[in-house]
Protein backbone atom coordinates (compact mmCIF):
# COMPACT_ATOMS: atom_id res chain seq x y z
CA UNK A 1 -0.02 0.10 0.28
CA UNK A 2 3.31 2.19 0.72
CA UNK A 3 4.51 1.74 -2.64
CA UNK A 4 1.45 2.70 -4.42
CA UNK A 5 0.67 5.76 -2.44
CA UNK A 6 4.18 6.92 -3.30
CA UNK A 7 3.82 5.97 -7.24
CA UNK A 8 0.37 8.20 -6.86
CA UNK A 9 2.24 11.36 -5.53
CA UNK A 10 5.34 10.83 -7.69
CA UNK A 11 2.65 10.94 -10.58
CA UNK A 12 0.87 14.11 -9.62
CA UNK A 13 4.72 15.69 -9.08
CA UNK A 14 5.25 14.52 -12.76
CA UNK A 15 2.44 15.78 -13.92
CA UNK A 16 2.41 19.42 -12.35
CA UNK A 17 6.18 19.86 -13.24
CA UNK A 18 5.64 18.73 -17.09
CA UNK A 19 2.50 21.57 -17.31
CA UNK A 20 5.02 24.17 -16.95
CA UNK A 21 6.76 22.94 -20.08
CA UNK A 22 3.39 23.33 -22.46
CA UNK A 23 3.61 25.56 -25.53
CA UNK A 24 0.70 26.35 -28.04
CA UNK A 25 1.97 28.27 -30.72
CA UNK A 26 -0.89 28.10 -33.08
CA UNK A 27 -1.64 31.61 -34.44
CA UNK A 28 -4.41 33.40 -32.66
CA UNK A 29 -5.79 34.91 -35.65
CA UNK A 30 -4.87 35.06 -39.29
CA UNK A 31 -5.84 36.81 -42.79
CA UNK A 32 -4.64 36.81 -46.40
CA UNK A 33 -2.46 39.67 -46.01
CA UNK A 34 1.18 39.56 -46.79
CA UNK A 35 3.90 39.47 -44.29
CA UNK A 36 6.40 41.92 -44.31
CA UNK A 37 6.72 43.77 -40.64
CA UNK A 38 6.65 42.36 -36.92
CA UNK A 39 5.11 44.14 -33.77
CA UNK A 40 5.75 43.29 -30.11
CA UNK A 41 4.15 43.83 -26.81
CA UNK A 42 5.05 42.11 -23.45
CA UNK A 43 5.30 42.80 -20.23
CA UNK A 44 7.49 40.35 -17.69
CA UNK A 45 6.16 39.68 -14.36
CA UNK A 46 8.52 38.88 -11.74
CA UNK A 47 7.17 35.84 -9.38
CA UNK A 48 4.08 35.89 -11.39
CA UNK A 49 2.93 39.10 -9.77
CA UNK A 50 2.04 41.90 -12.41
CA UNK A 51 1.85 45.41 -11.10
CA UNK A 52 0.62 48.61 -12.93
CA UNK A 53 -1.33 48.77 -16.24
CA UNK A 54 0.25 47.18 -19.32
CA UNK A 55 -1.03 47.57 -22.55
CA UNK A 56 -0.62 44.07 -24.55
CA UNK A 57 -3.39 44.78 -26.77
CA UNK A 58 -3.25 44.06 -30.54
CA UNK A 59 -3.41 47.52 -31.53
CA UNK A 60 -0.03 48.47 -29.36
CA UNK A 61 1.90 45.35 -31.02
CA UNK A 62 0.77 46.55 -34.32
CA UNK A 63 2.11 50.62 -33.56
CA UNK A 64 5.31 48.86 -31.97
CA UNK A 65 6.07 47.61 -35.78
CA UNK A 66 4.43 50.17 -37.56
CA UNK A 67 1.77 47.84 -39.38
CA UNK A 68 -1.59 49.09 -40.88
CA UNK A 69 -3.15 45.49 -42.11
CA UNK A 70 -2.67 42.43 -39.97
CA UNK A 71 -2.04 39.05 -40.87
CA UNK A 72 -1.08 37.14 -38.07
CA UNK A 73 -2.08 37.53 -34.13
CA UNK A 74 -0.16 35.01 -31.56
CA UNK A 75 0.10 35.31 -28.24
CA UNK A 76 2.77 33.83 -25.79
CA UNK A 77 3.17 32.71 -22.37
CA UNK A 78 6.80 31.83 -21.35
CA UNK A 79 7.01 31.12 -17.49
CA UNK A 80 10.74 31.09 -16.01
CA UNK A 81 11.03 29.68 -12.34
CA UNK A 82 11.18 33.34 -11.09
CA UNK A 83 8.90 35.27 -13.51
CA UNK A 84 6.28 35.11 -16.20
CA UNK A 85 6.53 36.76 -19.73
CA UNK A 86 3.16 37.77 -21.49
CA UNK A 87 3.60 38.56 -25.22
CA UNK A 88 1.45 39.42 -28.14
CA UNK A 89 2.95 39.05 -31.28
CA UNK A 90 1.39 40.89 -34.79
CA UNK A 91 2.60 40.44 -37.82
CA UNK A 92 1.39 42.30 -41.16
CA UNK A 93 2.00 45.02 -43.76
């Protein structure tokens, strides 16, 4: 019985640690516009605690890249041990 409980605890710990490594990189939105420029809006939060306002909108990312016609929009969340970075990446003309 002790071995089964140890196995269950080890399996749960393994699942919790593996969930931090999952990354999806499919486009959030896309159109038929050509891809010539890239714009990015991002914010890094230490210890996953975000303070203050941050504009991570599609419009802000497009303005940062000088984009007027949007082709794709990607949203990324990259987690490290001590920080998390949220990003919006826009491509287009």
